[in-house]
Each structure stands twice: as structure tokens, then as C-alpha cells.
Amino acid sequence: MANFLLGRAATLALVLFGASVLIFLVVRALPGDPAIAMMTSNATPEEIQAMREAIGLHLPLWQQYFTWVGGAVTGDLGRSFMYSTGVAGLIAERFPVTLHVSLVALAIAMAIAIPAGVLSARYKGGPIDHLFRIVAMIGISMPVFWQGLLSILLFAVILGWLPPGGYQPLSAGIGLSTAHIILPAVALGTAYAATITRMLRSSMLDVLGREHIAVARAHGVPERTIIWTDAFRNALIPTLTAAGFSFGYLLAGAVLTEVIFNLPGMGRLLYESILSRDYPLVQGLVLLNVTLFVLINFGMDALYAILDPRIRR
């Protein structure tokens, strides 16, 4: 088990190193000059050059990279050009909002996907199966931002039941916080529910077709016990993988949703930092997203090894 986890950790460390190089080069390839963006329209070339030197853009690329990576290892992600404060502090302020939305969205996705996937597999080829498959296909095909716009139009503008955007923390009250978080969470959660539903259905059908299930049925084991005890538990591993990756995508990919619903999370911060060409902030946010995804992947590998001894061997 230890050798398995050490091997995975070494691989993920290499992935992070490669990702850091790619992030740095891609950000530097963005059009425009941050020094010009930070100056007034009548700034002189000398003033622009002085700003470039002040923010370290005059240094060779390799030196800029190692300065950034060396600081990132110690938790120092640099100083934001736009906010004139530490990137790590900005991320710490915005991360709880994105985490809150992502956790609620994942809970909604699992609450929809588990019964839908199990029932779809249980009644394969029947009306329930066809209904859930059609709904899942619609959920996968419909963009999240489109769902968000439709939900704002219906529940906020037409019906007036919920606020169209903004964020309230749990400290402001569960009811008020839920009212602000439910629309973006549903928009995100339903999209990933469709993917998890299809994964669970496929896994359930694979397990239900195995020999030990036929033996259990021949011995008169109740169908409910077969479905929820034998088949569901065996189909849970790939489903947990899909859920883990979905959570990683939720944390890293909620940019459009946070912009549409005016949520002060990491996604909106990334959007604003790209528009302002804030190199340190873009690099810090993307690196954090990659790190979170890598850690979730490592956690899923460890969970796999615990649940299935064959993987360790």
C-alpha cells in the first residue's frame, strides 16, 4: 500500500512540475503588457519601463519562473498587479465561496444521480430507463451558463422567488445563504448529475450481469437486497471516481457560473485577473486549481486501493 501511494505521489509531483511550467508560459503568451494596463493612457515609455522593472517583468523568463515557483513552494504566490496585495490572501478570501457552491452542487448531483442511475439500471429498456437516459443526455448537452441564465429568468425575474445573484455566507443565516446559493448550485449540480448518472447506470448493468448476481437470484435473495447491497456497492468505485473528478471540475470550472450569478469566488477572480493581465494572480489561481485536481486524483487513487485490493497488487 505504501509503495503504491509513493509511486502515485511521485507521478503527481511530476505532473505539478509540468503544469507549473505550462501555466507560466501560457500566461506569458497572453496578449498585452500588464505594465501598460496599469498605467494611465498618457504614460511615457520611460514610466512604462519603470513599471515593468518594479513588477519584475524586465527579468529573463527563467529567472521569473524560478522566483515564482520558489515562492509558491513556501506559500508565497506573489503580489497581485491589480489589487496590490498578496495573491495567497486574495485566494484565501475567495476560496470559501467557491468551495461552498461546489459542495452544494456535488450534493445535488449525487442526490439526483444515485437514484436515477440505480433505477435506470434496474428497469433497463423500460420507460423509466428511457426517461432518465433522455434527461441525462439533455443535462450533458445543455451548457451550464445557459441553465444559469434560464434559472435566473424563471425563478428571479418572472416568479421572483429567489435573488438573481450575489452571495451570503452561512453566518448571515442558513435561509438567506441557501436562497443565494441554490440557483448556481443547481445549475452546476444538474450538469454533473447527468454524467454521474450515466456512469452509475453503466457500472450497475455490468455488475448485474455477473454470475454471482444470477446465483443470488436463484437462491431467492430479494431484488432490493441484490440491487442496493450487492450491485450498488460493487458499482460504487467507478461512481466515486466520477464524483471525485466532478468535484475537481466544480472547483476549477465554475468561472462562467460565478460571473453569471455575481459570486465573489475564485472563478470570478480568475475572470477579472485575465482581463487585467494580472500575471501573478492568474498563475496562482490556475496553479491552485491544478493542485486541487491533482490532490483529488491522488485521494481517489488511495480510495481505490483501499476498496479494491487488486489495484494495490
Protein backbone atom coordinates (compact mmCIF):
# COMPACT_ATOMS: atom_id res chain seq x y z
CA MET A 1 0.00 0.00 0.00
CA ALA A 2 2.80 2.42 0.93
CA ASN A 3 4.73 1.67 -2.27
CA PHE A 4 1.57 2.17 -4.32
CA LEU A 5 0.87 5.58 -2.75
CA LEU A 6 4.52 6.66 -3.01
CA GLY A 7 4.52 5.82 -6.70
CA ARG A 8 1.33 7.81 -7.25
CA ALA A 9 2.72 10.74 -5.25
CA ALA A 10 5.91 10.82 -7.35
CA THR A 11 3.87 10.80 -10.56
CA LEU A 12 1.65 13.61 -9.34
CA ALA A 13 4.68 15.67 -8.31
CA LEU A 14 5.95 15.44 -11.89
CA VAL A 15 2.52 16.44 -13.15
CA LEU A 16 2.56 19.52 -10.93
CA PHE A 17 6.02 20.49 -12.14
CA GLY A 18 4.99 20.16 -15.78
CA ALA A 19 1.78 22.06 -15.11
CA SER A 20 3.67 24.92 -13.44
CA VAL A 21 5.93 25.32 -16.50
CA LEU A 22 2.94 25.24 -18.86
CA ILE A 23 0.96 27.72 -16.75
CA PHE A 24 3.88 30.14 -16.63
CA LEU A 25 4.49 30.01 -20.39
CA VAL A 26 0.82 30.26 -21.36
CA VAL A 27 0.24 33.24 -19.08
CA ARG A 28 3.30 34.99 -20.52
CA ALA A 29 1.90 34.36 -24.02
CA LEU A 30 -1.28 36.34 -23.28
CA PRO A 31 -1.54 39.43 -25.49
CA GLY A 32 -0.91 42.84 -23.97
CA ASP A 33 1.51 44.29 -21.45
CA PRO A 34 0.49 44.41 -17.77
CA ALA A 35 2.69 47.45 -17.25
CA ILE A 36 0.76 49.38 -19.90
CA ALA A 37 -2.57 48.19 -18.46
CA MET A 38 -1.56 49.50 -15.04
CA MET A 39 -0.53 52.94 -16.31
CA THR A 40 -2.61 55.87 -17.47
CA SER A 41 -3.15 56.48 -21.19
CA ASN A 42 -0.63 59.34 -21.28
CA ALA A 43 2.21 57.41 -19.62
CA THR A 44 5.63 57.86 -21.22
CA PRO A 45 7.80 54.93 -22.39
CA GLU A 46 10.17 55.65 -19.51
CA GLU A 47 7.35 55.38 -16.98
CA ILE A 48 6.16 52.12 -18.55
CA GLN A 49 9.67 50.68 -18.42
CA ALA A 50 9.99 51.74 -14.79
CA MET A 51 6.71 49.92 -14.03
CA ARG A 52 7.97 46.78 -15.80
CA GLU A 53 11.09 46.83 -13.64
CA ALA A 54 9.01 47.43 -10.50
CA ILE A 55 6.90 44.32 -11.11
CA GLY A 56 9.82 42.20 -12.32
CA LEU A 57 8.87 41.82 -15.99
CA HIS A 58 12.30 43.01 -17.14
CA LEU A 59 13.96 39.86 -15.79
CA PRO A 60 14.70 36.83 -18.03
CA LEU A 61 11.83 34.33 -18.24
CA TRP A 62 13.78 31.57 -16.49
CA GLN A 63 14.51 33.86 -13.56
CA GLN A 64 10.86 34.95 -13.35
CA TYR A 65 9.80 31.28 -13.36
CA PHE A 66 12.14 30.11 -10.61
CA THR A 67 11.31 33.16 -8.49
CA TRP A 68 7.62 32.34 -8.79
CA VAL A 69 7.98 28.59 -8.18
CA GLY A 70 10.35 29.13 -5.26
CA GLY A 71 7.82 31.42 -3.63
CA ALA A 72 4.90 29.07 -4.42
CA VAL A 73 6.62 26.20 -2.61
CA THR A 74 6.68 28.32 0.54
CA GLY A 75 3.12 29.60 0.06
CA ASP A 76 4.08 32.95 -1.46
CA LEU A 77 2.32 33.25 -4.82
CA GLY A 78 3.47 36.79 -5.45
CA ARG A 79 1.72 40.13 -5.36
CA SER A 80 -1.31 40.97 -7.48
CA PHE A 81 -0.81 43.77 -10.02
CA MET A 82 -4.48 44.72 -9.89
CA TYR A 83 -5.17 44.56 -6.13
CA SER A 84 -1.63 45.45 -4.88
CA THR A 85 -1.84 42.72 -2.26
CA GLY A 86 -0.69 39.14 -1.81
CA VAL A 87 -2.18 36.56 -4.18
CA ALA A 88 -2.41 33.95 -1.41
CA GLY A 89 -4.50 36.30 0.72
CA LEU A 90 -6.88 37.03 -2.17
CA ILE A 91 -7.33 33.32 -2.85
CA ALA A 92 -7.95 32.64 0.85
CA GLU A 93 -10.75 35.24 0.80
CA ARG A 94 -12.44 33.87 -2.33
CA PHE A 95 -11.91 30.12 -1.90
CA PRO A 96 -14.68 29.58 0.73
CA VAL A 97 -17.29 30.90 -1.71
CA THR A 98 -16.24 28.51 -4.48
CA LEU A 99 -15.96 25.62 -2.00
CA HIS A 100 -19.46 26.35 -0.66
CA VAL A 101 -21.00 26.38 -4.13
CA SER A 102 -19.08 23.26 -5.21
CA LEU A 103 -20.06 21.21 -2.16
CA VAL A 104 -23.75 22.08 -2.52
CA ALA A 105 -23.60 21.38 -6.26
CA LEU A 106 -21.93 18.00 -5.67
CA ALA A 107 -24.56 17.09 -3.05
CA ILE A 108 -27.32 17.97 -5.54
CA ALA A 109 -25.58 15.97 -8.27
CA MET A 110 -25.27 12.86 -6.09
CA ALA A 111 -28.84 13.19 -4.79
CA ILE A 112 -30.06 13.13 -8.38
CA ALA A 113 -27.58 10.67 -9.88
CA ILE A 114 -27.74 7.80 -7.36
CA PRO A 115 -31.48 7.05 -7.54
CA ALA A 116 -31.61 7.88 -11.26
CA GLY A 117 -28.67 5.61 -12.13
CA VAL A 118 -29.86 2.72 -9.98
CA LEU A 119 -33.47 2.85 -11.22
CA SER A 120 -32.32 3.21 -14.82
CA ALA A 121 -30.22 0.05 -14.49
CA ARG A 122 -32.92 -1.79 -12.53
CA TYR A 123 -35.53 -1.17 -15.23
CA LYS A 124 -33.24 -1.41 -18.25
CA GLY A 125 -35.09 -0.89 -21.51
CA GLY A 126 -38.28 0.27 -19.78
CA PRO A 127 -39.97 3.68 -19.70
CA ILE A 128 -38.05 4.74 -16.57
CA ASP A 129 -34.75 3.87 -18.19
CA HIS A 130 -35.59 5.75 -21.38
CA LEU A 131 -36.80 8.77 -19.40
CA PHE A 132 -33.63 9.03 -17.29
CA ARG A 133 -31.39 8.50 -20.32
CA ILE A 134 -33.13 11.28 -22.25
CA VAL A 135 -32.94 13.63 -19.27
CA ALA A 136 -29.25 12.76 -18.76
CA MET A 137 -28.50 13.44 -22.42
CA ILE A 138 -30.22 16.83 -22.16
CA GLY A 139 -28.29 17.61 -18.99
CA ILE A 140 -24.95 16.78 -20.63
CA SER A 141 -25.78 18.71 -23.80
CA MET A 142 -27.08 21.91 -22.18
CA PRO A 143 -24.29 24.38 -21.27
CA VAL A 144 -24.11 25.35 -17.60
CA PHE A 145 -24.21 29.07 -18.38
CA TRP A 146 -27.43 28.55 -20.36
CA GLN A 147 -29.02 26.74 -17.43
CA GLY A 148 -27.93 29.59 -15.20
CA LEU A 149 -29.48 32.24 -17.43
CA LEU A 150 -32.73 30.29 -17.73
CA SER A 151 -32.95 29.78 -13.96
CA ILE A 152 -32.38 33.50 -13.33
CA LEU A 153 -35.07 34.38 -15.87
CA LEU A 154 -37.60 31.95 -14.41
CA PHE A 155 -37.06 31.98 -10.65
CA ALA A 156 -35.69 35.51 -10.15
CA VAL A 157 -37.22 37.67 -12.90
CA ILE A 158 -40.57 36.01 -13.71
CA LEU A 159 -41.51 34.32 -10.43
CA GLY A 160 -39.44 36.48 -8.08
CA TRP A 161 -38.85 33.58 -5.70
CA LEU A 162 -35.05 33.84 -5.44
CA PRO A 163 -32.41 36.57 -5.78
CA PRO A 164 -30.77 36.73 -9.24
CA GLY A 165 -27.24 36.66 -7.85
CA GLY A 166 -24.87 37.66 -5.11
CA TYR A 167 -23.62 35.67 -2.16
CA GLN A 168 -24.37 35.46 1.53
CA PRO A 169 -22.22 33.30 3.85
CA LEU A 170 -23.72 30.80 6.27
CA SER A 171 -23.03 33.27 9.09
CA ALA A 172 -25.75 35.52 7.62
CA GLY A 173 -28.32 32.77 8.18
CA ILE A 174 -28.96 29.39 6.56
CA GLY A 175 -32.12 30.56 4.83
CA LEU A 176 -30.57 33.67 3.32
CA SER A 177 -27.40 31.83 2.32
CA THR A 178 -29.38 28.99 0.71
CA ALA A 179 -31.56 31.45 -1.23
CA HIS A 180 -28.46 32.97 -2.83
CA ILE A 181 -26.57 29.72 -3.42
CA ILE A 182 -29.32 27.41 -4.69
CA LEU A 183 -29.58 28.65 -8.29
CA PRO A 184 -25.85 28.44 -9.14
CA ALA A 185 -25.55 25.14 -7.25
CA VAL A 186 -28.48 23.61 -9.15
CA ALA A 187 -27.12 24.88 -12.47
CA LEU A 188 -23.74 23.25 -11.75
CA GLY A 189 -25.07 20.16 -9.99
CA THR A 190 -27.58 19.09 -12.64
CA ALA A 191 -24.92 19.18 -15.35
CA TYR A 192 -22.63 16.83 -13.41
CA ALA A 193 -25.55 14.70 -12.22
CA ALA A 194 -26.10 13.65 -15.82
CA THR A 195 -22.51 12.40 -16.16
CA ILE A 196 -22.56 10.53 -12.84
CA THR A 197 -25.97 9.00 -13.68
CA ARG A 198 -24.63 7.52 -16.93
CA MET A 199 -21.53 6.21 -15.16
CA LEU A 200 -23.56 4.60 -12.36
CA ARG A 201 -26.04 3.05 -14.79
CA SER A 202 -23.23 1.51 -16.84
CA SER A 203 -21.48 0.16 -13.73
CA MET A 204 -24.73 -1.22 -12.31
CA LEU A 205 -25.54 -3.04 -15.56
CA ASP A 206 -22.05 -4.54 -15.60
CA VAL A 207 -22.41 -5.83 -12.03
CA LEU A 208 -25.97 -7.07 -12.51
CA GLY A 209 -24.78 -9.19 -15.44
CA ARG A 210 -22.21 -11.08 -13.37
CA GLU A 211 -22.53 -14.68 -12.30
CA HIS A 212 -22.78 -14.10 -8.53
CA ILE A 213 -25.87 -11.92 -9.07
CA ALA A 214 -27.56 -14.72 -11.01
CA VAL A 215 -26.66 -17.13 -8.20
CA ALA A 216 -28.13 -14.75 -5.61
CA ARG A 217 -31.37 -14.50 -7.56
CA ALA A 218 -31.51 -18.29 -7.93
CA HIS A 219 -31.26 -18.62 -4.15
CA GLY A 220 -34.23 -16.29 -3.68
CA VAL A 221 -32.39 -13.22 -2.40
CA PRO A 222 -34.81 -10.25 -2.54
CA GLU A 223 -34.28 -7.99 -5.54
CA ARG A 224 -33.99 -4.93 -3.31
CA THR A 225 -31.10 -6.56 -1.44
CA ILE A 226 -29.37 -7.53 -4.69
CA ILE A 227 -29.70 -4.02 -6.09
CA TRP A 228 -28.68 -1.96 -3.07
CA THR A 229 -26.34 -4.34 -1.22
CA ASP A 230 -24.56 -6.37 -3.88
CA ALA A 231 -24.79 -4.43 -7.14
CA PHE A 232 -24.66 -0.88 -5.82
CA ARG A 233 -21.69 -1.47 -3.53
CA ASN A 234 -19.70 -3.09 -6.36
CA ALA A 235 -20.65 -0.30 -8.78
CA LEU A 236 -19.65 2.37 -6.31
CA ILE A 237 -15.92 2.54 -7.14
CA PRO A 238 -16.20 3.97 -10.68
CA THR A 239 -19.06 6.16 -9.47
CA LEU A 240 -16.91 7.62 -6.70
CA THR A 241 -14.23 8.31 -9.29
CA ALA A 242 -16.73 10.22 -11.43
CA ALA A 243 -17.91 12.12 -8.35
CA GLY A 244 -14.33 12.97 -7.34
CA PHE A 245 -13.43 14.27 -10.77
CA SER A 246 -16.70 16.18 -10.89
CA PHE A 247 -15.80 17.88 -7.61
CA GLY A 248 -12.42 18.83 -9.09
CA TYR A 249 -14.12 20.27 -12.16
CA LEU A 250 -16.59 22.13 -9.94
CA LEU A 251 -13.78 23.79 -8.00
CA ALA A 252 -11.80 24.64 -11.12
CA GLY A 253 -14.51 25.24 -13.69
CA ALA A 254 -17.09 27.48 -12.05
CA VAL A 255 -15.84 30.61 -13.84
CA LEU A 256 -18.89 31.28 -16.02
CA THR A 257 -21.32 30.36 -13.25
CA GLU A 258 -19.70 32.74 -10.78
CA VAL A 259 -19.66 35.51 -13.37
CA ILE A 260 -23.33 34.99 -14.29
CA PHE A 261 -24.51 34.87 -10.68
CA ASN A 262 -22.07 37.55 -9.48
CA LEU A 263 -20.46 35.26 -6.91
CA PRO A 264 -17.21 36.57 -5.34
CA GLY A 265 -15.40 33.25 -5.74
CA MET A 266 -12.20 32.07 -7.38
CA GLY A 267 -13.83 31.71 -10.79
CA ARG A 268 -14.83 35.35 -10.95
CA LEU A 269 -11.44 36.39 -9.60
CA LEU A 270 -9.77 34.41 -12.40
CA TYR A 271 -12.01 36.06 -14.98
CA GLU A 272 -11.13 39.53 -13.70
CA SER A 273 -7.42 38.76 -13.45
CA ILE A 274 -7.28 37.56 -17.06
CA LEU A 275 -8.98 40.73 -18.28
CA SER A 276 -6.49 42.89 -16.38
CA ARG A 277 -3.48 40.71 -17.37
CA ASP A 278 -2.61 40.18 -13.73
CA TYR A 279 0.13 37.56 -14.23
CA PRO A 280 0.73 36.60 -10.58
CA LEU A 281 -2.98 36.26 -9.82
CA VAL A 282 -3.73 34.21 -12.95
CA GLN A 283 -0.74 31.93 -12.26
CA GLY A 284 -1.68 31.49 -8.60
CA LEU A 285 -5.32 30.67 -9.32
CA VAL A 286 -4.59 28.22 -12.12
CA LEU A 287 -1.82 26.55 -10.12
CA LEU A 288 -4.18 26.16 -7.17
CA ASN A 289 -6.86 24.64 -9.41
CA VAL A 290 -4.36 22.18 -10.86
CA THR A 291 -3.07 21.30 -7.38
CA LEU A 292 -6.58 20.69 -6.08
CA PHE A 293 -7.37 18.47 -9.05
CA VAL A 294 -4.14 16.52 -8.59
CA LEU A 295 -4.80 16.06 -4.85
CA ILE A 296 -8.35 14.87 -5.55
CA ASN A 297 -6.95 12.43 -8.09
CA PHE A 298 -4.46 11.18 -5.51
CA GLY A 299 -7.25 10.81 -2.97
CA MET A 300 -9.33 8.79 -5.43
CA ASP A 301 -6.35 6.52 -6.15
CA ALA A 302 -5.90 5.93 -2.42
CA LEU A 303 -9.62 5.21 -2.01
CA TYR A 304 -9.45 2.79 -4.93
CA ALA A 305 -6.59 0.94 -3.28
CA ILE A 306 -8.50 0.71 -0.01
CA LEU A 307 -11.75 -0.51 -1.59
CA ASP A 308 -10.18 -2.88 -4.13
CA PRO A 309 -7.04 -4.82 -3.05
CA ARG A 310 -6.48 -5.90 -6.67
CA ILE A 311 -5.37 -2.35 -7.52
CA ARG A 312 -2.64 -2.45 -4.88
CA ARG A 313 -1.26 -5.63 -6.39
